[in-house]
PDB file of N, CA and C in Angstrom:
ATOM      1  N   MET A   1      36.102  21.199 -12.161  1.00  0.00           N
ATOM      2  CA  MET A   1      35.951  20.839 -13.569  1.00  0.00           C
ATOM      3  C   MET A   1      36.912  20.312 -14.334  1.00  0.00           C
ATOM      4  N   ASP A   2      36.901  19.457 -15.343  1.00  0.00           N
ATOM      5  CA  ASP A   2      37.603  19.283 -16.463  1.00  0.00           C
ATOM      6  C   ASP A   2      37.424  19.481 -17.540  1.00  0.00           C
ATOM      7  N   TYR A   3      38.722  20.363 -18.236  1.00  0.00           N
ATOM      8  CA  TYR A   3      38.212  20.715 -19.124  1.00  0.00           C
ATOM      9  C   TYR A   3      39.455  19.854 -20.697  1.00  0.00           C
ATOM     10  N   VAL A   4      38.547  19.027 -21.151  1.00  0.00           N
ATOM     11  CA  VAL A   4      39.663  18.236 -22.266  1.00  0.00           C
ATOM     12  C   VAL A   4      39.021  18.725 -23.548  1.00  0.00           C
ATOM     13  N   THR A   5      40.223  18.609 -24.269  1.00  0.00           N
ATOM     14  CA  THR A   5      39.661  19.192 -25.472  1.00  0.00           C
ATOM     15  C   THR A   5      39.783  18.185 -26.374  1.00  0.00           C
ATOM     16  N   ASP A   6      38.982  18.427 -27.836  1.00  0.00           N
ATOM     17  CA  ASP A   6      38.780  17.434 -28.739  1.00  0.00           C
ATOM     18  C   ASP A   6      39.553  16.375 -29.234  1.00  0.00           C
ATOM     19  N   ARG A   7      41.284  17.188 -29.366  1.00  0.00           N
ATOM     20  CA  ARG A   7      42.108  16.175 -29.460  1.00  0.00           C
ATOM     21  C   ARG A   7      42.701  14.875 -28.549  1.00  0.00           C
ATOM     22  N   LYS A   8      42.635  15.617 -27.168  1.00  0.00           N
ATOM     23  CA  LYS A   8      42.530  14.528 -26.303  1.00  0.00           C
ATOM     24  C   LYS A   8      41.658  13.713 -25.985  1.00  0.00           C
ATOM     25  N   ARG A   9      40.478  14.122 -26.252  1.00  0.00           N
ATOM     26  CA  ARG A   9      39.436  13.073 -26.161  1.00  0.00           C
ATOM     27  C   ARG A   9      39.594  11.593 -27.474  1.00  0.00           C
ATOM     28  N   ALA A  10      40.321  12.399 -28.250  1.00  0.00           N
ATOM     29  CA  ALA A  10      40.491  11.269 -29.843  1.00  0.00           C
ATOM     30  C   ALA A  10      41.945  10.707 -29.228  1.00  0.00           C
ATOM     31  N   GLU A  11      42.572  10.989 -28.669  1.00  0.00           N
ATOM     32  CA  GLU A  11      43.822  10.765 -28.552  1.00  0.00           C
ATOM     33  C   GLU A  11      43.825   8.745 -28.052  1.00  0.00           C
ATOM     34  N   GLY A  12      44.841   8.583 -28.607  1.00  0.00           N
ATOM     35  CA  GLY A  12      44.544   6.870 -28.325  1.00  0.00           C
ATOM     36  C   GLY A  12      43.698   6.144 -29.081  1.00  0.00           C
ATOM     37  N   LEU A  13      42.550   6.649 -29.717  1.00  0.00           N
ATOM     38  CA  LEU A  13      41.588   5.746 -30.109  1.00  0.00           C
ATOM     39  C   LEU A  13      41.412   5.086 -31.520  1.00  0.00           C
ATOM     40  N   GLY A  14      42.439   5.644 -32.048  1.00  0.00           N
ATOM     41  CA  GLY A  14      43.197   5.179 -33.338  1.00  0.00           C
ATOM     42  C   GLY A  14      42.096   5.407 -34.393  1.00  0.00           C
ATOM     43  N   SER A  15      42.396   4.719 -35.642  1.00  0.00           N
ATOM     44  CA  SER A  15      41.286   5.374 -36.852  1.00  0.00           C
ATOM     45  C   SER A  15      40.774   4.086 -37.027  1.00  0.00           C
ATOM     46  N   ALA A  16      39.368   4.177 -37.743  1.00  0.00           N
ATOM     47  CA  ALA A  16      38.412   2.939 -37.847  1.00  0.00           C
ATOM     48  C   ALA A  16      39.044   1.789 -38.822  1.00  0.00           C
ATOM     49  N   LYS A  17      40.162   2.612 -39.647  1.00  0.00           N
ATOM     50  CA  LYS A  17      40.525   1.401 -40.299  1.00  0.00           C
ATOM     51  C   LYS A  17      39.978   1.104 -41.786  1.00  0.00           C
ATOM     52  N   SER A  18      38.688   1.548 -41.936  1.00  0.00           N
ATOM     53  CA  SER A  18      37.522   1.480 -43.136  1.00  0.00           C
ATOM     54  C   SER A  18      37.644   2.818 -43.808  1.00  0.00           C
ATOM     55  N   GLY A  19      38.352   3.700 -43.970  1.00  0.00           N
ATOM     56  CA  GLY A  19      37.808   5.286 -43.859  1.00  0.00           C
ATOM     57  C   GLY A  19      38.493   5.148 -45.884  1.00  0.00           C
ATOM     58  N   THR A  20      39.441   4.885 -46.183  1.00  0.00           N
ATOM     59  CA  THR A  20      40.190   4.707 -47.355  1.00  0.00           C
ATOM     60  C   THR A  20      38.942   3.771 -48.008  1.00  0.00           C
ATOM     61  N   ALA A  21      38.550   2.724 -47.628  1.00  0.00           N
ATOM     62  CA  ALA A  21      38.139   1.570 -48.373  1.00  0.00           C
ATOM     63  C   ALA A  21      36.575   1.888 -48.894  1.00  0.00           C
ATOM     64  N   HIS A  22      36.072   2.556 -47.740  1.00  0.00           N
ATOM     65  CA  HIS A  22      34.807   3.411 -48.095  1.00  0.00           C
ATOM     66  C   HIS A  22      34.459   4.593 -48.558  1.00  0.00           C
ATOM     67  N   HIS A  23      35.973   5.170 -48.932  1.00  0.00           N
ATOM     68  CA  HIS A  23      36.151   6.389 -49.571  1.00  0.00           C
ATOM     69  C   HIS A  23      36.083   5.542 -51.590  1.00  0.00           C
ATOM     70  N   TRP A  24      37.006   4.958 -51.402  1.00  0.00           N
ATOM     71  CA  TRP A  24      37.205   4.132 -52.806  1.00  0.00           C
ATOM     72  C   TRP A  24      35.915   3.218 -53.247  1.00  0.00           C
ATOM     73  N   SER A  25      35.133   3.410 -52.283  1.00  0.00           N
ATOM     74  CA  SER A  25      33.996   2.127 -53.078  1.00  0.00           C
ATOM     75  C   SER A  25      32.652   3.281 -53.284  1.00  0.00           C
ATOM     76  N   MET A  26      32.910   4.628 -52.754  1.00  0.00           N
ATOM     77  CA  MET A  26      31.862   5.956 -52.977  1.00  0.00           C
ATOM     78  C   MET A  26      32.326   6.265 -54.166  1.00  0.00           C
ATOM     79  N   THR A  27      33.893   6.253 -54.495  1.00  0.00           N
ATOM     80  CA  THR A  27      34.337   7.073 -55.594  1.00  0.00           C
ATOM     81  C   THR A  27      34.172   6.719 -57.068  1.00  0.00           C
ATOM     82  N   VAL A  28      33.954   4.804 -57.046  1.00  0.00           N
ATOM     83  CA  VAL A  28      33.942   3.946 -57.801  1.00  0.00           C
ATOM     84  C   VAL A  28      32.275   3.967 -58.059  1.00  0.00           C
ATOM     85  N   THR A  29      31.453   3.537 -57.184  1.00  0.00           N
ATOM     86  CA  THR A  29      30.347   3.608 -57.627  1.00  0.00           C
ATOM     87  C   THR A  29      29.580   5.052 -58.228  1.00  0.00           C
ATOM     88  N   SER A  30      30.251   6.138 -57.499  1.00  0.00           N
ATOM     89  CA  SER A  30      29.523   7.136 -58.338  1.00  0.00           C
ATOM     90  C   SER A  30      30.225   7.610 -59.605  1.00  0.00           C
ATOM     91  N   TRP A  31      31.429   6.835 -60.313  1.00  0.00           N
ATOM     92  CA  TRP A  31      31.829   7.063 -61.733  1.00  0.00           C
ATOM     93  C   TRP A  31      30.901   6.004 -62.540  1.00  0.00           C
ATOM     94  N   ALA A  32      30.499   4.813 -61.829  1.00  0.00           N
ATOM     95  CA  ALA A  32      29.842   3.950 -62.539  1.00  0.00           C
ATOM     96  C   ALA A  32      28.452   4.660 -62.875  1.00  0.00           C
ATOM     97  N   LEU A  33      28.220   5.490 -61.491  1.00  0.00           N
ATOM     98  CA  LEU A  33      26.634   5.733 -62.180  1.00  0.00           C
ATOM     99  C   LEU A  33      26.482   6.822 -62.885  1.00  0.00           C
ATOM    100  N   ILE A  34      27.644   7.754 -62.828  1.00  0.00           N
ATOM    101  CA  ILE A  34      27.931   8.584 -64.104  1.00  0.00           C
ATOM    102  C   ILE A  34      27.536   7.730 -64.865  1.00  0.00           C
ATOM    103  N   VAL A  35      27.974   6.717 -66.027  1.00  0.00           N
ATOM    104  CA  VAL A  35      27.663   5.710 -67.006  1.00  0.00           C
ATOM    105  C   VAL A  35      26.275   5.582 -66.827  1.00  0.00           C
ATOM    106  N   LEU A  36      26.315   4.515 -65.988  1.00  0.00           N
ATOM    107  CA  LEU A  36      25.024   4.224 -66.091  1.00  0.00           C
ATOM    108  C   LEU A  36      23.394   4.945 -65.888  1.00  0.00           C
ATOM    109  N   VAL A  37      23.408   5.770 -65.246  1.00  0.00           N
ATOM    110  CA  VAL A  37      21.904   6.459 -65.202  1.00  0.00           C
ATOM    111  C   VAL A  37      21.894   7.217 -66.681  1.00  0.00           C
ATOM    112  N   PRO A  38      22.428   7.630 -67.144  1.00  0.00           N
ATOM    113  CA  PRO A  38      22.563   8.303 -68.783  1.00  0.00           C
ATOM    114  C   PRO A  38      22.141   7.360 -69.409  1.00  0.00           C
ATOM    115  N   LEU A  39      22.623   5.862 -69.578  1.00  0.00           N
ATOM    116  CA  LEU A  39      22.344   4.680 -70.320  1.00  0.00           C
ATOM    117  C   LEU A  39      21.018   4.139 -70.071  1.00  0.00           C
ATOM    118  N   PHE A  40      20.704   4.251 -68.683  1.00  0.00           N
ATOM    119  CA  PHE A  40      19.316   3.272 -68.172  1.00  0.00           C
ATOM    120  C   PHE A  40      17.890   5.063 -68.779  1.00  0.00           C
ATOM    121  N   VAL A  41      18.834   6.339 -68.275  1.00  0.00           N
ATOM    122  CA  VAL A  41      17.661   7.454 -69.468  1.00  0.00           C
ATOM    123  C   VAL A  41      17.204   7.228 -70.830  1.00  0.00           C
ATOM    124  N   PHE A  42      18.150   6.882 -71.149  1.00  0.00           N
ATOM    125  CA  PHE A  42      18.333   6.637 -72.429  1.00  0.00           C
ATOM    126  C   PHE A  42      17.837   4.993 -73.097  1.00  0.00           C
ATOM    127  N   THR A  43      17.801   4.220 -72.334  1.00  0.00           N
ATOM    128  CA  THR A  43      17.224   2.591 -72.501  1.00  0.00           C
ATOM    129  C   THR A  43      15.605   2.859 -71.817  1.00  0.00           C
ATOM    130  N   PHE A  44      15.371   3.274 -71.106  1.00  0.00           N
ATOM    131  CA  PHE A  44      14.082   3.434 -70.627  1.00  0.00           C
ATOM    132  C   PHE A  44      13.126   4.406 -71.375  1.00  0.00           C
ATOM    133  N   GLY A  45      13.665   5.476 -71.390  1.00  0.00           N
ATOM    134  CA  GLY A  45      13.144   6.825 -72.114  1.00  0.00           C
ATOM    135  C   GLY A  45      11.970   6.741 -73.169  1.00  0.00           C
ATOM    136  N   PRO A  46      12.464   5.643 -74.411  1.00  0.00           N
ATOM    137  CA  PRO A  46      11.869   5.506 -75.540  1.00  0.00           C
ATOM    138  C   PRO A  46      10.302   4.767 -75.112  1.00  0.00           C
ATOM    139  N   MET A  47      10.673   3.811 -73.704  1.00  0.00           N
ATOM    140  CA  MET A  47       9.093   3.265 -73.364  1.00  0.00           C
ATOM    141  C   MET A  47       8.104   4.117 -72.655  1.00  0.00           C
ATOM    142  N   LEU A  48       8.319   5.254 -72.561  1.00  0.00           N
ATOM    143  CA  LEU A  48       7.517   6.067 -71.834  1.00  0.00           C
ATOM    144  C   LEU A  48       6.315   6.262 -72.682  1.00  0.00           C
ATOM    145  N   GLY A  49       4.863   5.893 -72.062  1.00  0.00           N
ATOM    146  CA  GLY A  49       3.750   5.935 -73.010  1.00  0.00           C
ATOM    147  C   GLY A  49       3.780   5.017 -73.987  1.00  0.00           C
ATOM    148  N   LYS A  50       4.297   3.609 -73.463  1.00  0.00           N
ATOM    149  CA  LYS A  50       4.290   2.789 -74.529  1.00  0.00           C
ATOM    150  C   LYS A  50       3.219   1.985 -73.862  1.00  0.00           C
ATOM    151  N   SER A  51       2.510   0.887 -74.701  1.00  0.00           N
ATOM    152  CA  SER A  51       1.704  -0.040 -74.002  1.00  0.00           C
ATOM    153  C   SER A  51       2.300  -1.215 -73.042  1.00  0.00           C
ATOM    154  N   HIS A  52       1.898  -1.509 -72.372  1.00  0.00           N
ATOM    155  CA  HIS A  52       2.522  -2.768 -71.289  1.00  0.00           C
ATOM    156  C   HIS A  52       3.383  -4.070 -72.008  1.00  0.00           C
ATOM    157  N   GLU A  53       2.654  -4.189 -73.074  1.00  0.00           N
ATOM    158  CA  GLU A  53       3.197  -5.422 -73.568  1.00  0.00           C
ATOM    159  C   GLU A  53       4.405  -5.018 -74.261  1.00  0.00           C
ATOM    160  N   ALA A  54       4.679  -3.865 -75.024  1.00  0.00           N
ATOM    161  CA  ALA A  54       5.343  -3.356 -75.913  1.00  0.00           C
ATOM    162  C   ALA A  54       7.049  -3.020 -74.515  1.00  0.00           C
ATOM    163  N   VAL A  55       6.784  -2.632 -73.443  1.00  0.00           N
ATOM    164  CA  VAL A  55       7.584  -2.489 -72.350  1.00  0.00           C
ATOM    165  C   VAL A  55       8.118  -4.093 -72.008  1.00  0.00           C
ATOM    166  N   LEU A  56       7.011  -4.679 -71.495  1.00  0.00           N
ATOM    167  CA  LEU A  56       7.451  -6.120 -71.433  1.00  0.00           C
ATOM    168  C   LEU A  56       8.469  -6.881 -72.515  1.00  0.00           C
ATOM    169  N   ALA A  57       8.206  -6.391 -74.074  1.00  0.00           N
ATOM    170  CA  ALA A  57       8.952  -7.074 -74.887  1.00  0.00           C
ATOM    171  C   ALA A  57      10.040  -6.546 -74.964  1.00  0.00           C
ATOM    172  N   TYR A  58      10.156  -5.192 -74.845  1.00  0.00           N
ATOM    173  CA  TYR A  58      11.357  -4.059 -74.675  1.00  0.00           C
ATOM    174  C   TYR A  58      12.526  -4.675 -73.437  1.00  0.00           C
ATOM    175  N   PHE A  59      12.024  -4.843 -72.193  1.00  0.00           N
ATOM    176  CA  PHE A  59      12.849  -5.237 -71.192  1.00  0.00           C
ATOM    177  C   PHE A  59      12.936  -6.849 -71.133  1.00  0.00           C
ATOM    178  N   ALA A  60      12.276  -7.581 -71.891  1.00  0.00           N
ATOM    179  CA  ALA A  60      12.938  -8.778 -72.289  1.00  0.00           C
ATOM    180  C   ALA A  60      14.228  -9.123 -73.019  1.00  0.00           C
ATOM    181  N   ARG A  61      14.418  -7.859 -73.532  1.00  0.00           N
ATOM    182  CA  ARG A  61      15.575  -7.998 -74.356  1.00  0.00           C
ATOM    183  C   ARG A  61      17.103  -7.966 -73.308  1.00  0.00           C
ATOM    184  N   PRO A  62      18.050  -8.859 -73.610  1.00  0.00           N
ATOM    185  CA  PRO A  62      19.093  -8.550 -72.743  1.00  0.00           C
ATOM    186  C   PRO A  62      20.140  -7.025 -72.435  1.00  0.00           C
ATOM    187  N   PHE A  63      19.980  -6.159 -73.401  1.00  0.00           N
ATOM    188  CA  PHE A  63      20.982  -5.233 -73.327  1.00  0.00           C
ATOM    189  C   PHE A  63      19.708  -4.299 -72.068  1.00  0.00           C
ATOM    190  N   PRO A  64      18.362  -3.688 -72.674  1.00  0.00           N
ATOM    191  CA  PRO A  64      17.896  -3.062 -71.183  1.00  0.00           C
ATOM    192  C   PRO A  64      18.043  -3.349 -69.822  1.00  0.00           C
ATOM    193  N   ALA A  65      17.489  -4.888 -70.301  1.00  0.00           N
ATOM    194  CA  ALA A  65      17.320  -5.518 -68.314  1.00  0.00           C
ATOM    195  C   ALA A  65      18.996  -5.463 -67.799  1.00  0.00           C
ATOM    196  N   ILE A  66      19.808  -5.836 -68.342  1.00  0.00           N
ATOM    197  CA  ILE A  66      21.399  -5.850 -68.049  1.00  0.00           C
ATOM    198  C   ILE A  66      21.881  -4.001 -67.635  1.00  0.00           C
ATOM    199  N   VAL A  67      21.009  -3.415 -68.050  1.00  0.00           N
ATOM    200  CA  VAL A  67      21.320  -2.073 -67.676  1.00  0.00           C
ATOM    201  C   VAL A  67      20.590  -1.285 -66.795  1.00  0.00           C
ATOM    202  N   ALA A  68      19.278  -1.892 -66.909  1.00  0.00           N
ATOM    203  CA  ALA A  68      18.138  -1.476 -65.677  1.00  0.00           C
ATOM    204  C   ALA A  68      18.918  -1.999 -64.197  1.00  0.00           C
ATOM    205  N   ALA A  69      19.261  -3.664 -64.298  1.00  0.00           N
ATOM    206  CA  ALA A  69      19.697  -4.627 -63.003  1.00  0.00           C
ATOM    207  C   ALA A  69      21.254  -3.900 -62.365  1.00  0.00           C
ATOM    208  N   LEU A  70      22.127  -3.413 -63.149  1.00  0.00           N
ATOM    209  CA  LEU A  70      23.217  -2.892 -62.915  1.00  0.00           C
ATOM    210  C   LEU A  70      23.423  -1.484 -62.507  1.00  0.00           C
ATOM    211  N   THR A  71      22.066  -0.918 -62.483  1.00  0.00           N
ATOM    212  CA  THR A  71      21.946   1.108 -62.306  1.00  0.00           C
ATOM    213  C   THR A  71      21.321   0.613 -60.743  1.00  0.00           C
ATOM    214  N   LEU A  72      20.629  -0.393 -61.052  1.00  0.00           N
ATOM    215  CA  LEU A  72      19.411  -0.641 -59.384  1.00  0.00           C
ATOM    216  C   LEU A  72      20.797  -0.911 -58.674  1.00  0.00           C
ATOM    217  N   LEU A  73      21.567  -1.997 -58.903  1.00  0.00           N
ATOM    218  CA  LEU A  73      22.832  -2.623 -58.005  1.00  0.00           C
ATOM    219  C   LEU A  73      23.355  -1.831 -57.494  1.00  0.00           C
ATOM    220  N   VAL A  74      24.118  -0.652 -58.558  1.00  0.00           N
ATOM    221  CA  VAL A  74      25.155   0.086 -58.137  1.00  0.00           C
ATOM    222  C   VAL A  74      24.686   1.415 -57.282  1.00  0.00           C
ATOM    223  N   GLY A  75      23.536   1.799 -58.126  1.00  0.00           N
ATOM    224  CA  GLY A  75      22.732   2.934 -57.091  1.00  0.00           C
ATOM    225  C   GLY A  75      22.612   2.557 -55.305  1.00  0.00           C
ATOM    226  N   MET A  76      21.986   0.816 -55.349  1.00  0.00           N
ATOM    227  CA  MET A  76      21.230   0.591 -53.770  1.00  0.00           C
ATOM    228  C   MET A  76      22.953   0.149 -53.076  1.00  0.00           C
ATOM    229  N   HIS A  77      23.775   0.294 -53.879  1.00  0.00           N
ATOM    230  CA  HIS A  77      25.124   0.103 -53.027  1.00  0.00           C
ATOM    231  C   HIS A  77      25.864   1.630 -52.912  1.00  0.00           C
ATOM    232  N   HIS A  78      25.628   2.169 -53.628  1.00  0.00           N
ATOM    233  CA  HIS A  78      25.588   3.949 -53.241  1.00  0.00           C
ATOM    234  C   HIS A  78      24.895   4.347 -52.138  1.00  0.00           C
ATOM    235  N   PHE A  79      23.212   4.021 -52.289  1.00  0.00           N
ATOM    236  CA  PHE A  79      22.919   4.230 -51.809  1.00  0.00           C
ATOM    237  C   PHE A  79      22.925   4.315 -50.209  1.00  0.00           C
ATOM    238  N   ARG A  80      23.153   2.432 -49.675  1.00  0.00           N
ATOM    239  CA  ARG A  80      23.983   2.180 -48.522  1.00  0.00           C
ATOM    240  C   ARG A  80      25.071   2.859 -47.871  1.00  0.00           C
ATOM    241  N   LYS A  81      26.060   2.861 -48.550  1.00  0.00           N
ATOM    242  CA  LYS A  81      26.993   3.487 -47.924  1.00  0.00           C
ATOM    243  C   LYS A  81      27.005   4.760 -47.659  1.00  0.00           C
ATOM    244  N   GLY A  82      26.202   6.110 -48.559  1.00  0.00           N
ATOM    245  CA  GLY A  82      26.160   7.084 -48.378  1.00  0.00           C
ATOM    246  C   GLY A  82      25.055   7.645 -47.017  1.00  0.00           C
ATOM    247  N   ALA A  83      23.821   6.504 -46.958  1.00  0.00           N
ATOM    248  CA  ALA A  83      23.243   6.810 -45.980  1.00  0.00           C
ATOM    249  C   ALA A  83      23.660   6.295 -44.878  1.00  0.00           C
ATOM    250  N   GLN A  84      24.970   5.096 -44.538  1.00  0.00           N
ATOM    251  CA  GLN A  84      25.394   4.899 -43.562  1.00  0.00           C
ATOM    252  C   GLN A  84      25.922   6.231 -43.291  1.00  0.00           C
ATOM    253  N   THR A  85      27.335   6.515 -44.153  1.00  0.00           N
ATOM    254  CA  THR A  85      28.311   8.171 -43.622  1.00  0.00           C
ATOM    255  C   THR A  85      27.365   9.140 -43.350  1.00  0.00           C
ATOM    256  N   ALA A  86      26.087   9.186 -43.383  1.00  0.00           N
ATOM    257  CA  ALA A  86      25.234  10.232 -42.837  1.00  0.00           C
ATOM    258  C   ALA A  86      25.216   9.706 -41.422  1.00  0.00           C
ATOM    259  N   VAL A  87      24.628   8.607 -41.390  1.00  0.00           N
ATOM    260  CA  VAL A  87      23.840   8.574 -40.161  1.00  0.00           C
ATOM    261  C   VAL A  87      25.131   8.267 -38.995  1.00  0.00           C
ATOM    262  N   GLU A  88      26.542   8.055 -39.571  1.00  0.00           N
ATOM    263  CA  GLU A  88      27.386   8.078 -38.684  1.00  0.00           C
ATOM    264  C   GLU A  88      28.117   9.015 -37.975  1.00  0.00           C
ATOM    265  N   ASP A  89      27.705  10.246 -38.894  1.00  0.00           N
ATOM    266  CA  ASP A  89      27.851  11.580 -38.841  1.00  0.00           C
ATOM    267  C   ASP A  89      26.915  12.156 -37.905  1.00  0.00           C
ATOM    268  N   TYR A  90      25.721  11.856 -37.760  1.00  0.00           N
ATOM    269  CA  TYR A  90      24.639  12.786 -37.292  1.00  0.00           C
ATOM    270  C   TYR A  90      24.410  11.890 -36.168  1.00  0.00           C
ATOM    271  N   VAL A  91      23.869  10.530 -35.752  1.00  0.00           N
ATOM    272  CA  VAL A  91      23.250   9.641 -35.017  1.00  0.00           C
ATOM    273  C   VAL A  91      24.402   8.872 -34.277  1.00  0.00           C
ATOM    274  N   HIS A  92      24.247   9.138 -32.979  1.00  0.00           N
ATOM    275  CA  HIS A  92      25.197   8.347 -32.166  1.00  0.00           C
ATOM    276  C   HIS A  92      24.026   7.370 -31.489  1.00  0.00           C
ATOM    277  N   GLY A  93      25.004   6.987 -30.454  1.00  0.00           N
ATOM    278  CA  GLY A  93      24.400   5.405 -29.492  1.00  0.00           C
ATOM    279  C   GLY A  93      23.937   4.262 -30.245  1.00  0.00           C
ATOM    280  N   GLY A  94      23.111   3.810 -29.722  1.00  0.00           N
ATOM    281  CA  GLY A  94      22.505   2.486 -30.168  1.00  0.00           C
ATOM    282  C   GLY A  94      21.224   2.794 -31.306  1.00  0.00           C
ATOM    283  N   THR A  95      20.843   4.246 -31.244  1.00  0.00           N
ATOM    284  CA  THR A  95      20.194   4.564 -32.318  1.00  0.00           C
ATOM    285  C   THR A  95      20.409   4.567 -33.596  1.00  0.00           C
ATOM    286  N   GLY A  96      22.043   4.669 -33.537  1.00  0.00           N
ATOM    287  CA  GLY A  96      22.553   5.155 -34.686  1.00  0.00           C
ATOM    288  C   GLY A  96      22.665   3.608 -35.264  1.00  0.00           C
ATOM    289  N   ARG A  97      23.247   2.546 -34.142  1.00  0.00           N
ATOM    290  CA  ARG A  97      23.481   1.021 -35.183  1.00  0.00           C
ATOM    291  C   ARG A  97      21.883   0.928 -35.321  1.00  0.00           C
ATOM    292  N   PHE A  98      21.322   1.197 -34.847  1.00  0.00           N
ATOM    293  CA  PHE A  98      20.009   0.237 -35.175  1.00  0.00           C
ATOM    294  C   PHE A  98      19.196   1.024 -36.768  1.00  0.00           C
ATOM    295  N   THR A  99      19.868   2.229 -36.974  1.00  0.00           N
ATOM    296  CA  THR A  99      19.703   3.096 -38.143  1.00  0.00           C
ATOM    297  C   THR A  99      20.166   2.413 -39.005  1.00  0.00           C
ATOM    298  N   ILE A 100      21.601   2.392 -38.837  1.00  0.00           N
ATOM    299  CA  ILE A 100      22.302   1.844 -39.890  1.00  0.00           C
ATOM    300  C   ILE A 100      22.131   0.394 -40.638  1.00  0.00           C
ATOM    301  N   ILE A 101      21.435  -0.205 -39.482  1.00  0.00           N
ATOM    302  CA  ILE A 101      20.970  -2.139 -40.042  1.00  0.00           C
ATOM    303  C   ILE A 101      19.534  -1.501 -40.701  1.00  0.00           C
ATOM    304  N   ALA A 102      18.806  -1.130 -40.155  1.00  0.00           N
ATOM    305  CA  ALA A 102      18.030  -0.404 -41.038  1.00  0.00           C
ATOM    306  C   ALA A 102      17.679  -0.102 -42.526  1.00  0.00           C
ATOM    307  N   VAL A 103      18.666   1.081 -42.940  1.00  0.00           N
ATOM    308  CA  VAL A 103      18.751   1.753 -44.068  1.00  0.00           C
ATOM    309  C   VAL A 103      19.490   0.155 -44.790  1.00  0.00           C
ATOM    310  N   THR A 104      20.734  -0.690 -44.360  1.00  0.00           N
ATOM    311  CA  THR A 104      20.950  -1.467 -44.835  1.00  0.00           C
ATOM    312  C   THR A 104      20.402  -2.572 -45.469  1.00  0.00           C
ATOM    313  N   CYS A 105      19.292  -2.869 -44.417  1.00  0.00           N
ATOM    314  CA  CYS A 105      18.077  -3.587 -44.924  1.00  0.00           C
ATOM    315  C   CYS A 105      17.075  -3.168 -45.682  1.00  0.00           C
ATOM    316  N   VAL A 106      16.514  -1.782 -45.605  1.00  0.00           N
ATOM    317  CA  VAL A 106      15.901  -0.953 -46.845  1.00  0.00           C
ATOM    318  C   VAL A 106      16.698  -1.472 -48.055  1.00  0.00           C
ATOM    319  N   ALA A 107      17.734  -1.325 -48.421  1.00  0.00           N
ATOM    320  CA  ALA A 107      18.798  -1.065 -49.495  1.00  0.00           C
ATOM    321  C   ALA A 107      18.641  -2.842 -49.870  1.00  0.00           C
ATOM    322  N   TYR A 108      19.562  -3.489 -49.225  1.00  0.00           N
ATOM    323  CA  TYR A 108      19.080  -4.453 -49.665  1.00  0.00           C
ATOM    324  C   TYR A 108      17.460  -5.463 -49.924  1.00  0.00           C
ATOM    325  N   ALA A 109      16.688  -5.286 -49.672  1.00  0.00           N
ATOM    326  CA  ALA A 109      15.211  -5.409 -49.680  1.00  0.00           C
ATOM    327  C   ALA A 109      14.545  -4.800 -50.897  1.00  0.00           C
ATOM    328  N   LEU A 110      15.365  -3.313 -51.361  1.00  0.00           N
ATOM    329  CA  LEU A 110      14.992  -2.749 -52.683  1.00  0.00           C
ATOM    330  C   LEU A 110      15.428  -3.285 -53.685  1.00  0.00           C
ATOM    331  N   ALA A 111      17.097  -3.710 -53.875  1.00  0.00           N
ATOM    332  CA  ALA A 111      17.592  -4.130 -54.746  1.00  0.00           C
ATOM    333  C   ALA A 111      17.125  -5.745 -54.883  1.00  0.00           C
ATOM    334  N   ALA A 112      16.971  -6.531 -53.784  1.00  0.00           N
ATOM    335  CA  ALA A 112      16.305  -8.082 -54.217  1.00  0.00           C
ATOM    336  C   ALA A 112      14.975  -7.889 -54.893  1.00  0.00           C
ATOM    337  N   ALA A 113      14.018  -6.666 -54.639  1.00  0.00           N
ATOM    338  CA  ALA A 113      12.788  -6.829 -54.863  1.00  0.00           C
ATOM    339  C   ALA A 113      12.790  -6.159 -56.227  1.00  0.00           C
ATOM    340  N   GLY A 114      13.802  -5.335 -57.194  1.00  0.00           N
ATOM    341  CA  GLY A 114      13.861  -4.770 -58.217  1.00  0.00           C
ATOM    342  C   GLY A 114      14.700  -5.715 -59.275  1.00  0.00           C
ATOM    343  N   LEU A 115      15.811  -6.933 -58.297  1.00  0.00           N
ATOM    344  CA  LEU A 115      16.485  -7.714 -59.244  1.00  0.00           C
ATOM    345  C   LEU A 115      15.117  -8.896 -59.743  1.00  0.00           C
ATOM    346  N   PHE A 116      14.400  -8.905 -58.545  1.00  0.00           N
ATOM    347  CA  PHE A 116      13.275 -10.101 -59.105  1.00  0.00           C
ATOM    348  C   PHE A 116      12.176  -9.404 -60.150  1.00  0.00           C
ATOM    349  N   ALA A 117      11.823  -8.178 -60.020  1.00  0.00           N
ATOM    350  CA  ALA A 117      10.883  -7.218 -61.064  1.00  0.00           C
ATOM    351  C   ALA A 117      11.737  -7.635 -62.306  1.00  0.00           C
ATOM    352  N   ILE A 118      12.939  -7.350 -62.392  1.00  0.00           N
ATOM    353  CA  ILE A 118      13.623  -7.208 -63.741  1.00  0.00           C
ATOM    354  C   ILE A 118      13.563  -8.747 -64.210  1.00  0.00           C
ATOM    355  N   ALA A 119      14.001  -9.760 -63.331  1.00  0.00           N
ATOM    356  CA  ALA A 119      14.056 -11.146 -64.193  1.00  0.00           C
ATOM    357  C   ALA A 119      12.966 -11.665 -64.328  1.00  0.00           C
ATOM    358  N   LYS A 120      11.844 -11.185 -63.419  1.00  0.00           N
ATOM    359  CA  LYS A 120      10.494 -11.835 -63.875  1.00  0.00           C
ATOM    360  C   LYS A 120      10.342 -11.276 -65.245  1.00  0.00           C
ATOM    361  N   ILE A 121      10.727  -9.976 -65.536  1.00  0.00           N
ATOM    362  CA  ILE A 121      10.086  -9.472 -66.621  1.00  0.00           C
ATOM    363  C   ILE A 121      11.003  -9.897 -68.087  1.00  0.00           C
ATOM    364  N   ALA A 122      12.795 -10.485 -67.570  1.00  0.00           N
ATOM    365  CA  ALA A 122      12.989 -10.339 -68.918  1.00  0.00           C
ATOM    366  C   ALA A 122      13.216 -12.294 -69.475  1.00  0.00           C
ATOM    367  N   LEU A 123      12.908 -12.940 -68.373  1.00  0.00           N
ATOM    368  CA  LEU A 123      12.900 -14.043 -68.306  1.00  0.00           C
ATOM    369  C   LEU A 123      11.536 -14.692 -68.619  1.00  0.00           C
TER     370      LEU A 123
END
């Protein structure tokens, strides 16, 4: 029987070379969301309970539409990177690669649908 330590198994494989970029991406999007989410809540909150026409007129203005679009884009980017990390940590092999592709597609689809809806309201 061959007993191999974790260090011996990992030796020679090197790093993936993307850890620092991933970390900075998550850090920057986290700080952006710290600013954007309260801004979104304070721009969206006054419209709760209003009529459909009032909400459409409010989000046709540039500031609320831009805040909603930025929150959506940054949030979906942060979601995609975070979900990718979770999948890489806990799902291995072909299933892991498929799951990362699926999560990426879902994030891009949600971002596209949200941006389409915001553009349709704002324009």
